[in-house]
Each structure stands twice: as C-alpha cells, then as structure tokens.
C-alpha atoms as a PDB file:
ATOM      1  CA  UNK A   1       3.460   6.831  14.829  1.00  0.00           C
ATOM      2  CA  UNK A   2       4.775   5.924  11.786  1.00  0.00           C
ATOM      3  CA  UNK A   3       2.026   4.637   8.961  1.00  0.00           C
ATOM      4  CA  UNK A   4       2.188   3.143   5.978  1.00  0.00           C
ATOM      5  CA  UNK A   5       0.457   4.059   2.625  1.00  0.00           C
ATOM      6  CA  UNK A   6      -0.228   0.547   1.099  1.00  0.00           C
ATOM      7  CA  UNK A   7      -0.591  -0.356  -2.245  1.00  0.00           C
ATOM      8  CA  UNK A   8      -1.117  -3.751  -3.233  1.00  0.00           C
ATOM      9  CA  UNK A   9       0.022  -4.691  -6.675  1.00  0.00           C
ATOM     10  CA  UNK A  10       3.565  -4.529  -7.031  1.00  0.00           C
ATOM     11  CA  UNK A  11       4.212  -4.212  -3.267  1.00  0.00           C
ATOM     12  CA  UNK A  12       2.701  -7.464  -1.863  1.00  0.00           C
ATOM     13  CA  UNK A  13       1.941  -9.410  -4.806  1.00  0.00           C
ATOM     14  CA  UNK A  14       4.820  -8.849  -8.210  1.00  0.00           C
ATOM     15  CA  UNK A  15       4.494 -10.158 -12.078  1.00  0.00           C
ATOM     16  CA  UNK A  16       5.408 -13.956 -10.614  1.00  0.00           C
ATOM     17  CA  UNK A  17       1.978 -13.649  -8.803  1.00  0.00           C
ATOM     18  CA  UNK A  18      -0.319 -12.539 -11.310  1.00  0.00           C
ATOM     19  CA  UNK A  19       0.934 -15.203 -13.276  1.00  0.00           C
ATOM     20  CA  UNK A  20       0.167 -18.035 -11.250  1.00  0.00           C
ATOM     21  CA  UNK A  21      -3.253 -15.988  -9.777  1.00  0.00           C
ATOM     22  CA  UNK A  22      -3.707 -16.284 -14.070  1.00  0.00           C
ATOM     23  CA  UNK A  23      -2.730 -19.904 -14.546  1.00  0.00           C
ATOM     24  CA  UNK A  24      -4.993 -20.970 -11.236  1.00  0.00           C
ATOM     25  CA  UNK A  25      -8.150 -19.081 -12.828  1.00  0.00           C
ATOM     26  CA  UNK A  26      -7.585 -20.622 -15.811  1.00  0.00           C
ATOM     27  CA  UNK A  27      -7.108 -24.414 -14.826  1.00  0.00           C
ATOM     28  CA  UNK A  28      -9.874 -24.383 -11.902  1.00  0.00           C
ATOM     29  CA  UNK A  29     -12.056 -20.886 -12.737  1.00  0.00           C
ATOM     30  CA  UNK A  30     -11.165 -19.712  -9.201  1.00  0.00           C
ATOM     31  CA  UNK A  31     -10.225 -16.186  -9.286  1.00  0.00           C
ATOM     32  CA  UNK A  32      -8.172 -14.900  -6.392  1.00  0.00           C
ATOM     33  CA  UNK A  33      -6.495 -11.790  -5.337  1.00  0.00           C
ATOM     34  CA  UNK A  34      -2.487 -12.424  -5.482  1.00  0.00           C
ATOM     35  CA  UNK A  35      -0.549 -12.264  -2.082  1.00  0.00           C
ATOM     36  CA  UNK A  36       3.160 -13.142  -2.320  1.00  0.00           C
ATOM     37  CA  UNK A  37       4.257 -14.646   1.040  1.00  0.00           C
ATOM     38  CA  UNK A  38       7.636 -13.730   0.490  1.00  0.00           C
ATOM     39  CA  UNK A  39       6.532 -10.005   0.418  1.00  0.00           C
ATOM     40  CA  UNK A  40       4.237  -9.912   2.740  1.00  0.00           C
ATOM     41  CA  UNK A  41       6.597 -10.987   5.612  1.00  0.00           C
ATOM     42  CA  UNK A  42       9.067  -8.388   4.132  1.00  0.00           C
ATOM     43  CA  UNK A  43       5.654  -5.924   4.790  1.00  0.00           C
ATOM     44  CA  UNK A  44       5.550  -7.918   8.182  1.00  0.00           C
ATOM     45  CA  UNK A  45       8.752  -7.509   9.193  1.00  0.00           C
ATOM     46  CA  UNK A  46       8.671  -3.472   9.038  1.00  0.00           C
ATOM     47  CA  UNK A  47       6.136  -2.736  10.294  1.00  0.00           C
ATOM     48  CA  UNK A  48       6.103  -4.641  13.459  1.00  0.00           C
ATOM     49  CA  UNK A  49       9.921  -3.178  14.320  1.00  0.00           C
ATOM     50  CA  UNK A  50       8.370   0.092  13.891  1.00  0.00           C
ATOM     51  CA  UNK A  51       4.925  -0.743  15.397  1.00  0.00           C
ATOM     52  CA  UNK A  52       3.043   0.810  12.560  1.00  0.00           C
ATOM     53  CA  UNK A  53       0.190   1.174  11.426  1.00  0.00           C
ATOM     54  CA  UNK A  54      -1.420   0.816   7.795  1.00  0.00           C
ATOM     55  CA  UNK A  55      -3.580   2.849   5.762  1.00  0.00           C
ATOM     56  CA  UNK A  56      -4.723   1.640   2.076  1.00  0.00           C
ATOM     57  CA  UNK A  57      -4.118   3.762  -0.873  1.00  0.00           C
ATOM     58  CA  UNK A  58      -4.347   0.888  -3.432  1.00  0.00           C
ATOM     59  CA  UNK A  59      -6.972   1.224  -6.144  1.00  0.00           C
ATOM     60  CA  UNK A  60      -7.921  -2.449  -4.135  1.00  0.00           C
ATOM     61  CA  UNK A  61      -9.715   0.309  -1.270  1.00  0.00           C
ATOM     62  CA  UNK A  62     -12.403   0.889  -3.351  1.00  0.00           C
ATOM     63  CA  UNK A  63     -13.765  -3.205  -2.040  1.00  0.00           C
ATOM     64  CA  UNK A  64     -13.816  -1.656   1.831  1.00  0.00           C
ATOM     65  CA  UNK A  65     -16.478  -0.347   3.661  1.00  0.00           C
ATOM     66  CA  UNK A  66     -16.035   2.878   5.393  1.00  0.00           C
ATOM     67  CA  UNK A  67     -15.735   0.317   8.445  1.00  0.00           C
ATOM     68  CA  UNK A  68     -12.844  -1.168   6.391  1.00  0.00           C
ATOM     69  CA  UNK A  69     -14.906  -4.246   6.066  1.00  0.00           C
ATOM     70  CA  UNK A  70     -15.045  -6.044   2.646  1.00  0.00           C
ATOM     71  CA  UNK A  71     -17.471  -5.270   0.525  1.00  0.00           C
ATOM     72  CA  UNK A  72     -17.757  -8.859  -0.680  1.00  0.00           C
ATOM     73  CA  UNK A  73     -17.516 -11.623   1.887  1.00  0.00           C
ATOM     74  CA  UNK A  74     -15.429 -13.572  -0.901  1.00  0.00           C
ATOM     75  CA  UNK A  75     -13.574 -10.584  -2.557  1.00  0.00           C
ATOM     76  CA  UNK A  76     -10.161  -9.590  -2.697  1.00  0.00           C
ATOM     77  CA  UNK A  77     -10.432  -7.104  -0.337  1.00  0.00           C
ATOM     78  CA  UNK A  78     -11.781  -9.573   1.881  1.00  0.00           C
ATOM     79  CA  UNK A  79      -8.752 -12.525   1.758  1.00  0.00           C
ATOM     80  CA  UNK A  80      -6.275  -8.970   1.669  1.00  0.00           C
ATOM     81  CA  UNK A  81      -7.583  -8.157   5.123  1.00  0.00           C
ATOM     82  CA  UNK A  82      -7.060 -11.850   6.344  1.00  0.00           C
ATOM     83  CA  UNK A  83      -3.482 -11.589   4.751  1.00  0.00           C
ATOM     84  CA  UNK A  84      -3.006  -8.515   7.168  1.00  0.00           C
ATOM     85  CA  UNK A  85      -4.808 -10.102  10.668  1.00  0.00           C
ATOM     86  CA  UNK A  86      -2.621 -13.163   9.768  1.00  0.00           C
ATOM     87  CA  UNK A  87       0.342 -11.088  10.013  1.00  0.00           C
ATOM     88  CA  UNK A  88      -0.648  -9.422  13.070  1.00  0.00           C
ATOM     89  CA  UNK A  89      -0.643  -6.184  10.555  1.00  0.00           C
ATOM     90  CA  UNK A  90      -3.362  -3.572  11.831  1.00  0.00           C
ATOM     91  CA  UNK A  91      -5.078  -1.597   9.096  1.00  0.00           C
ATOM     92  CA  UNK A  92      -6.669   1.729  10.071  1.00  0.00           C
ATOM     93  CA  UNK A  93      -7.936   2.965   7.704  1.00  0.00           C
ATOM     94  CA  UNK A  94      -7.841   4.020   3.634  1.00  0.00           C
ATOM     95  CA  UNK A  95      -7.118   7.272   1.651  1.00  0.00           C
ATOM     96  CA  UNK A  96     -10.439   8.842   0.196  1.00  0.00           C
ATOM     97  CA  UNK A  97     -10.871   8.602  -3.597  1.00  0.00           C
ATOM     98  CA  UNK A  98     -10.475  12.040  -4.684  1.00  0.00           C
ATOM     99  CA  UNK A  99     -10.779  13.134  -8.349  1.00  0.00           C
ATOM    100  CA  UNK A 100      -8.626  16.077  -9.732  1.00  0.00           C
ATOM    101  CA  UNK A 101      -9.065  16.456 -14.068  1.00  0.00           C
ATOM    102  CA  UNK A 102      -4.936  18.071 -13.610  1.00  0.00           C
ATOM    103  CA  UNK A 103      -3.393  16.007 -11.642  1.00  0.00           C
ATOM    104  CA  UNK A 104      -3.112  12.097 -10.704  1.00  0.00           C
ATOM    105  CA  UNK A 105      -5.085  12.104  -7.539  1.00  0.00           C
ATOM    106  CA  UNK A 106      -2.791   9.205  -5.322  1.00  0.00           C
ATOM    107  CA  UNK A 107      -0.660  12.040  -3.585  1.00  0.00           C
ATOM    108  CA  UNK A 108      -3.365  14.268  -3.028  1.00  0.00           C
ATOM    109  CA  UNK A 109      -5.256  11.342  -1.311  1.00  0.00           C
ATOM    110  CA  UNK A 110      -2.128  11.004   0.899  1.00  0.00           C
ATOM    111  CA  UNK A 111      -1.276  13.746   1.418  1.00  0.00           C
ATOM    112  CA  UNK A 112      -5.399  14.951   2.738  1.00  0.00           C
ATOM    113  CA  UNK A 113      -5.508  11.725   4.596  1.00  0.00           C
ATOM    114  CA  UNK A 114      -1.754  12.911   6.280  1.00  0.00           C
ATOM    115  CA  UNK A 115      -3.710  16.603   7.251  1.00  0.00           C
ATOM    116  CA  UNK A 116      -7.016  14.817   8.385  1.00  0.00           C
ATOM    117  CA  UNK A 117      -5.664  12.152  10.359  1.00  0.00           C
ATOM    118  CA  UNK A 118      -2.236  12.476  11.324  1.00  0.00           C
ATOM    119  CA  UNK A 119      -0.147  15.092  13.803  1.00  0.00           C
ATOM    120  CA  UNK A 120       3.069  16.749  13.612  1.00  0.00           C
ATOM    121  CA  UNK A 121       4.608  13.801  15.850  1.00  0.00           C
ATOM    122  CA  UNK A 122       3.630  10.996  12.992  1.00  0.00           C
ATOM    123  CA  UNK A 123       5.424   9.676  10.299  1.00  0.00           C
ATOM    124  CA  UNK A 124       5.161   8.143   6.855  1.00  0.00           C
ATOM    125  CA  UNK A 125       6.656   5.822   4.652  1.00  0.00           C
ATOM    126  CA  UNK A 126       4.733   5.327   0.829  1.00  0.00           C
ATOM    127  CA  UNK A 127       5.186   1.982  -0.624  1.00  0.00           C
ATOM    128  CA  UNK A 128       3.904   1.794  -4.024  1.00  0.00           C
ATOM    129  CA  UNK A 129       5.350   0.686  -7.588  1.00  0.00           C
ATOM    130  CA  UNK A 130       3.618   3.593  -9.393  1.00  0.00           C
ATOM    131  CA  UNK A 131       4.935   7.357  -9.285  1.00  0.00           C
ATOM    132  CA  UNK A 132       2.563   8.584  -6.992  1.00  0.00           C
ATOM    133  CA  UNK A 133       2.839  12.537  -8.099  1.00  0.00           C
ATOM    134  CA  UNK A 134       2.488  11.468 -11.585  1.00  0.00           C
ATOM    135  CA  UNK A 135       2.223  14.228 -13.340  1.00  0.00           C
ATOM    136  CA  UNK A 136       1.111  15.969 -10.130  1.00  0.00           C
ATOM    137  CA  UNK A 137       2.103  19.470  -8.808  1.00  0.00           C
ATOM    138  CA  UNK A 138       5.553  20.095  -7.751  1.00  0.00           C
ATOM    139  CA  UNK A 139       4.651  21.195  -4.464  1.00  0.00           C
ATOM    140  CA  UNK A 140       3.328  17.384  -4.089  1.00  0.00           C
ATOM    141  CA  UNK A 141       6.815  15.929  -4.878  1.00  0.00           C
ATOM    142  CA  UNK A 142       8.165  18.240  -2.569  1.00  0.00           C
ATOM    143  CA  UNK A 143       6.180  17.413  -0.414  1.00  0.00           C
ATOM    144  CA  UNK A 144       6.336  13.006  -0.694  1.00  0.00           C
ATOM    145  CA  UNK A 145       9.803  12.951  -1.961  1.00  0.00           C
ATOM    146  CA  UNK A 146      11.194  12.193   1.494  1.00  0.00           C
ATOM    147  CA  UNK A 147       8.316   9.275   2.229  1.00  0.00           C
ATOM    148  CA  UNK A 148       7.952   7.654  -1.394  1.00  0.00           C
ATOM    149  CA  UNK A 149       9.985   4.162  -1.640  1.00  0.00           C
ATOM    150  CA  UNK A 150       9.275   3.252  -5.142  1.00  0.00           C
ATOM    151  CA  UNK A 151       8.820  -1.185  -5.748  1.00  0.00           C
ATOM    152  CA  UNK A 152       8.530  -2.651  -8.419  1.00  0.00           C
ATOM    153  CA  UNK A 153       6.111  -4.730 -10.554  1.00  0.00           C
ATOM    154  CA  UNK A 154       8.609  -7.348 -10.875  1.00  0.00           C
ATOM    155  CA  UNK A 155       9.586  -7.877  -7.695  1.00  0.00           C
ATOM    156  CA  UNK A 156       7.242  -6.146  -5.412  1.00  0.00           C
ATOM    157  CA  UNK A 157       8.346  -5.169  -1.664  1.00  0.00           C
ATOM    158  CA  UNK A 158      11.584  -6.731  -1.549  1.00  0.00           C
ATOM    159  CA  UNK A 159      15.287  -5.878   1.026  1.00  0.00           C
ATOM    160  CA  UNK A 160      16.298  -3.349  -0.766  1.00  0.00           C
ATOM    161  CA  UNK A 161      12.973  -0.751  -0.408  1.00  0.00           C
ATOM    162  CA  UNK A 162      13.057  -1.044   3.297  1.00  0.00           C
ATOM    163  CA  UNK A 163      16.788  -0.133   3.872  1.00  0.00           C
ATOM    164  CA  UNK A 164      15.615   2.606   1.834  1.00  0.00           C
ATOM    165  CA  UNK A 165      12.105   3.575   3.784  1.00  0.00           C
ATOM    166  CA  UNK A 166      14.835   3.026   7.221  1.00  0.00           C
ATOM    167  CA  UNK A 167      17.191   5.839   5.695  1.00  0.00           C
ATOM    168  CA  UNK A 168      14.178   8.375   5.231  1.00  0.00           C
ATOM    169  CA  UNK A 169      12.845   7.778   8.909  1.00  0.00           C
ATOM    170  CA  UNK A 170      16.450   7.967   9.712  1.00  0.00           C
ATOM    171  CA  UNK A 171      16.629  11.595   8.320  1.00  0.00           C
ATOM    172  CA  UNK A 172      12.795  12.328   9.588  1.00  0.00           C
END
C-alpha cells in the first residue's frame, strides 16, 4: 500500500489561493481555508493511479479529532475533509504532534507514524513545501530523503512534483 503524508499549505493550495482567500475575507468577512482545484486534481490523479491512502501531516491536523472528524463543523478541516471526499480520497490517519526541543518535529512525526502503522511492504511519499527535516538529525534525512517531494508555496503541487514522486516509487 502507498501512503501519502500530506501537508496542505503549499501542496493543495498556493500563494494565489491565499491571496484570493484574503481578498474574499476582506470583502465578505467570511474566512475559508484555500484549496486550489488544480493542485487538488493533480493530487487526486496521483492517489487514484496508485490506490494510495492519505495521512495528514500538516498543521491542519490540529483541527481533527482522533477519529478524523473535524473539531469544528465549519472549520478548515471540515472543508478539507469535504474536498478529499469529493475527490474520492481516503484519509486514514494523522501524524501525532511530537515535541522535541532539539529538532524540528515533522520528520520525527512521520517516522513514528511509519514505524507504528506501516508494514515493510508499504511505501510512502511525503508532499510538503517545507523542509521536513529542518535542523533535524542526519539519520532522519537519510530515512526520509527517498520519500520526500518538496513542493513550492508559489505553485503548490505540480506535475513536476508528481514526476519526482514517480521516480521515487520506481526506485524503491
């Protein structure tokens, strides 16, 4: 089984969707978390091609209860879950929030989820616009390097990122 560790900001949205959201909020007073249709379509195509499951590694996961229901019915996670459902994407989990004062946590959070939930037959891809290992341990970099596709906040997920993910899958 293939798992996708999904960040939201800079993957399923981008700078333009944030600017549009800010403009809309200023004009209407309504806050909405941006999800870019093109970015979401690219993600959905990749997920469907590989019959992949999604694990939320984004800070957006703070808005999800342990049973993966939204904490707030009108909040950003509710809109995210709706977008995933509309695209037939299955959310199967979220990474735990870990705290390590010496290292950025995202790599450790993903590696803990992999260790606790994936089998040796499973594979995973990480889509994130931030350096998931930040200032972390070099061993984290070695474990994650062949799974990590760094996207861009400017564009969100693109076909170029998908090609890199495909190369990782073909080499693993």
